[in-house]
Amino acid sequence: MKTDFVSTSEAARILRISRTAMFKKIKSGKMPAMKVGRNFVIKRSDVLKATGELLTSAQRNRIEKAVEKAAKQYGEVFKRLGRE
């Protein structure tokens, strides 16, 4: 069963950084976290955003527009490269 929150240790493991680096991200505000007792917990979605696995709708739209623009401008070149 997946929970909505992860510990700092688990978030650090997912991001492949040390726990110390994770705490620095939390303290600097780069990673939103909530204090529960003596520990911090981080929303799983925030960790996934940091890894790039989870895109916001604005990010997704920006990527789609860039792909469409590239396809319009370089469509013929892409076709030729695909044949090689």
N, C-alpha and C. Protein backbone atom coordinates (compact mmCIF):
# COMPACT_ATOMS: atom_id res chain seq x y z
N MET A 1 0.84 -1.18 0.00
CA MET A 1 0.00 0.00 0.00
C MET A 1 0.89 1.25 0.00
N LYS A 2 0.68 2.13 -0.96
CA LYS A 2 1.45 3.36 -1.03
C LYS A 2 0.76 4.45 -0.22
N THR A 3 1.58 5.18 0.53
CA THR A 3 1.03 6.30 1.29
C THR A 3 1.27 7.58 0.49
N ASP A 4 0.61 8.64 0.90
CA ASP A 4 0.76 9.92 0.23
C ASP A 4 2.02 10.65 0.64
N PHE A 5 2.66 10.20 1.72
CA PHE A 5 3.84 10.88 2.26
C PHE A 5 5.00 9.90 2.37
N VAL A 6 6.22 10.45 2.29
CA VAL A 6 7.42 9.64 2.48
C VAL A 6 8.30 10.30 3.53
N SER A 7 9.16 9.51 4.14
CA SER A 7 10.10 10.04 5.12
C SER A 7 11.24 10.74 4.40
N THR A 8 12.04 11.47 5.16
CA THR A 8 13.19 12.13 4.56
C THR A 8 14.19 11.10 4.03
N SER A 9 14.33 9.99 4.73
CA SER A 9 15.24 8.93 4.27
C SER A 9 14.79 8.36 2.94
N GLU A 10 13.49 8.07 2.83
CA GLU A 10 12.97 7.50 1.59
C GLU A 10 13.05 8.51 0.45
N ALA A 11 12.75 9.77 0.73
CA ALA A 11 12.84 10.81 -0.30
C ALA A 11 14.28 10.95 -0.78
N ALA A 12 15.23 10.92 0.14
CA ALA A 12 16.65 11.02 -0.22
C ALA A 12 17.06 9.83 -1.09
N ARG A 13 16.58 8.64 -0.75
CA ARG A 13 16.89 7.44 -1.54
C ARG A 13 16.32 7.55 -2.94
N ILE A 14 15.09 8.03 -3.07
CA ILE A 14 14.45 8.19 -4.38
C ILE A 14 15.21 9.20 -5.23
N LEU A 15 15.65 10.29 -4.61
CA LEU A 15 16.35 11.35 -5.34
C LEU A 15 17.84 11.07 -5.50
N ARG A 16 18.30 10.00 -4.86
CA ARG A 16 19.72 9.61 -4.89
C ARG A 16 20.62 10.71 -4.34
N ILE A 17 20.21 11.23 -3.19
CA ILE A 17 21.02 12.21 -2.48
C ILE A 17 21.13 11.76 -1.03
N SER A 18 22.01 12.39 -0.28
CA SER A 18 22.16 12.03 1.13
C SER A 18 21.00 12.63 1.95
N ARG A 19 20.82 12.08 3.15
CA ARG A 19 19.79 12.64 4.04
C ARG A 19 20.13 14.07 4.40
N THR A 20 21.42 14.35 4.57
CA THR A 20 21.86 15.71 4.89
C THR A 20 21.46 16.67 3.78
N ALA A 21 21.68 16.27 2.53
CA ALA A 21 21.29 17.10 1.39
C ALA A 21 19.78 17.29 1.37
N MET A 22 19.04 16.24 1.75
CA MET A 22 17.58 16.34 1.78
C MET A 22 17.16 17.38 2.82
N PHE A 23 17.78 17.35 4.00
CA PHE A 23 17.45 18.33 5.03
C PHE A 23 17.80 19.75 4.58
N LYS A 24 18.88 19.90 3.85
CA LYS A 24 19.25 21.22 3.33
C LYS A 24 18.20 21.74 2.35
N LYS A 25 17.67 20.84 1.51
CA LYS A 25 16.62 21.22 0.56
C LYS A 25 15.36 21.66 1.32
N ILE A 26 15.04 20.94 2.38
CA ILE A 26 13.86 21.28 3.18
C ILE A 26 14.06 22.63 3.86
N LYS A 27 15.21 22.81 4.49
CA LYS A 27 15.48 24.07 5.21
C LYS A 27 15.51 25.28 4.27
N SER A 28 16.02 25.08 3.03
CA SER A 28 16.10 26.20 2.08
C SER A 28 14.76 26.47 1.39
N GLY A 29 13.78 25.55 1.57
CA GLY A 29 12.48 25.74 0.95
C GLY A 29 12.38 25.15 -0.45
N LYS A 30 13.44 24.49 -0.91
CA LYS A 30 13.40 23.88 -2.24
C LYS A 30 12.55 22.62 -2.27
N MET A 31 12.37 21.98 -1.10
CA MET A 31 11.52 20.80 -1.00
C MET A 31 10.51 21.04 0.11
N PRO A 32 9.23 21.17 -0.25
CA PRO A 32 8.22 21.39 0.78
C PRO A 32 8.07 20.15 1.66
N ALA A 33 7.98 20.37 2.95
CA ALA A 33 7.83 19.26 3.90
C ALA A 33 7.03 19.73 5.10
N MET A 34 6.46 18.77 5.81
CA MET A 34 5.70 19.07 7.02
C MET A 34 6.37 18.37 8.19
N LYS A 35 6.37 19.03 9.31
CA LYS A 35 6.95 18.46 10.51
C LYS A 35 5.87 17.66 11.23
N VAL A 36 6.17 16.40 11.52
CA VAL A 36 5.26 15.54 12.27
C VAL A 36 6.06 15.03 13.46
N GLY A 37 5.77 15.58 14.63
CA GLY A 37 6.57 15.23 15.81
C GLY A 37 7.98 15.75 15.61
N ARG A 38 8.96 14.84 15.70
CA ARG A 38 10.36 15.22 15.51
C ARG A 38 10.81 15.07 14.07
N ASN A 39 9.97 14.49 13.23
CA ASN A 39 10.37 14.15 11.86
C ASN A 39 9.68 15.02 10.82
N PHE A 40 10.28 15.06 9.64
CA PHE A 40 9.66 15.70 8.49
C PHE A 40 9.06 14.62 7.59
N VAL A 41 7.94 14.93 6.98
CA VAL A 41 7.38 14.07 5.93
C VAL A 41 7.18 14.92 4.69
N ILE A 42 7.29 14.26 3.55
CA ILE A 42 7.24 14.97 2.27
C ILE A 42 6.19 14.27 1.41
N LYS A 43 5.38 15.08 0.71
CA LYS A 43 4.38 14.50 -0.18
C LYS A 43 5.09 13.73 -1.28
N ARG A 44 4.60 12.53 -1.55
CA ARG A 44 5.18 11.68 -2.60
C ARG A 44 5.16 12.42 -3.94
N SER A 45 4.11 13.18 -4.21
CA SER A 45 4.02 13.90 -5.48
C SER A 45 5.12 14.96 -5.60
N ASP A 46 5.51 15.59 -4.48
CA ASP A 46 6.59 16.57 -4.52
C ASP A 46 7.93 15.91 -4.83
N VAL A 47 8.13 14.71 -4.29
CA VAL A 47 9.37 13.97 -4.58
C VAL A 47 9.39 13.57 -6.05
N LEU A 48 8.25 13.11 -6.56
CA LEU A 48 8.19 12.71 -7.97
C LEU A 48 8.40 13.90 -8.90
N LYS A 49 7.89 15.06 -8.51
CA LYS A 49 8.13 16.27 -9.30
C LYS A 49 9.62 16.58 -9.35
N ALA A 50 10.29 16.42 -8.22
CA ALA A 50 11.72 16.69 -8.14
C ALA A 50 12.52 15.73 -9.02
N THR A 51 12.03 14.51 -9.19
CA THR A 51 12.74 13.55 -10.04
C THR A 51 12.41 13.75 -11.51
N GLY A 52 11.35 14.52 -11.77
CA GLY A 52 10.95 14.73 -13.15
C GLY A 52 9.98 13.68 -13.64
N GLU A 53 9.58 12.75 -12.78
CA GLU A 53 8.65 11.70 -13.18
C GLU A 53 7.22 12.19 -13.26
N LEU A 54 6.94 13.27 -12.58
CA LEU A 54 5.57 13.79 -12.54
C LEU A 54 5.58 15.21 -13.07
N LEU A 55 4.86 15.44 -14.15
CA LEU A 55 4.81 16.77 -14.77
C LEU A 55 3.50 17.45 -14.42
N THR A 56 3.59 18.75 -14.21
CA THR A 56 2.36 19.51 -14.02
C THR A 56 1.72 19.71 -15.39
N SER A 57 0.47 20.11 -15.42
CA SER A 57 -0.21 20.31 -16.69
C SER A 57 0.44 21.45 -17.48
N ALA A 58 0.93 22.47 -16.78
CA ALA A 58 1.61 23.57 -17.46
C ALA A 58 2.91 23.10 -18.12
N GLN A 59 3.66 22.25 -17.41
CA GLN A 59 4.89 21.70 -17.99
C GLN A 59 4.57 20.82 -19.20
N ARG A 60 3.55 20.00 -19.06
CA ARG A 60 3.15 19.10 -20.15
C ARG A 60 2.73 19.91 -21.38
N ASN A 61 1.96 20.97 -21.17
CA ASN A 61 1.52 21.82 -22.29
C ASN A 61 2.70 22.50 -22.97
N ARG A 62 3.65 22.98 -22.17
CA ARG A 62 4.83 23.64 -22.73
C ARG A 62 5.65 22.66 -23.58
N ILE A 63 5.78 21.43 -23.12
CA ILE A 63 6.52 20.42 -23.88
C ILE A 63 5.78 20.09 -25.17
N GLU A 64 4.46 19.92 -25.10
CA GLU A 64 3.68 19.61 -26.30
C GLU A 64 3.78 20.72 -27.34
N LYS A 65 3.74 21.97 -26.90
CA LYS A 65 3.87 23.10 -27.83
C LYS A 65 5.25 23.11 -28.48
N ALA A 66 6.28 22.82 -27.71
CA ALA A 66 7.64 22.79 -28.26
C ALA A 66 7.79 21.67 -29.29
N VAL A 67 7.19 20.53 -29.02
CA VAL A 67 7.25 19.41 -29.96
C VAL A 67 6.50 19.76 -31.25
N GLU A 68 5.32 20.36 -31.11
CA GLU A 68 4.56 20.76 -32.30
C GLU A 68 5.33 21.78 -33.13
N LYS A 69 5.95 22.75 -32.47
CA LYS A 69 6.73 23.77 -33.17
C LYS A 69 7.90 23.13 -33.91
N ALA A 70 8.60 22.22 -33.25
CA ALA A 70 9.73 21.54 -33.89
C ALA A 70 9.26 20.70 -35.07
N ALA A 71 8.12 20.03 -34.92
CA ALA A 71 7.59 19.21 -36.01
C ALA A 71 7.23 20.07 -37.21
N LYS A 72 6.67 21.25 -36.96
CA LYS A 72 6.33 22.17 -38.06
C LYS A 72 7.58 22.65 -38.77
N GLN A 73 8.56 23.09 -37.99
CA GLN A 73 9.76 23.68 -38.57
C GLN A 73 10.68 22.64 -39.21
N TYR A 74 10.79 21.48 -38.59
CA TYR A 74 11.80 20.52 -39.04
C TYR A 74 11.20 19.17 -39.43
N GLY A 75 9.92 19.14 -39.73
CA GLY A 75 9.25 17.89 -40.04
C GLY A 75 9.92 17.10 -41.14
N GLU A 76 10.26 17.76 -42.23
CA GLU A 76 10.90 17.07 -43.36
C GLU A 76 12.27 16.52 -42.96
N VAL A 77 13.02 17.29 -42.20
CA VAL A 77 14.34 16.84 -41.74
C VAL A 77 14.20 15.61 -40.85
N PHE A 78 13.22 15.63 -39.95
CA PHE A 78 12.98 14.49 -39.08
C PHE A 78 12.66 13.24 -39.90
N LYS A 79 11.85 13.40 -40.93
CA LYS A 79 11.51 12.26 -41.80
C LYS A 79 12.75 11.69 -42.47
N ARG A 80 13.61 12.57 -42.97
CA ARG A 80 14.83 12.11 -43.64
C ARG A 80 15.76 11.41 -42.63
N LEU A 81 15.87 11.97 -41.46
CA LEU A 81 16.74 11.36 -40.45
C LEU A 81 16.19 9.99 -40.02
N GLY A 82 14.87 9.87 -40.02
CA GLY A 82 14.25 8.60 -39.65
C GLY A 82 14.53 7.49 -40.65
N ARG A 83 14.78 7.85 -41.88
CA ARG A 83 15.07 6.85 -42.93
C ARG A 83 16.51 6.35 -42.85
N GLU A 84 17.39 7.15 -42.28
CA GLU A 84 18.82 6.78 -42.24
C GLU A 84 19.09 5.75 -41.19
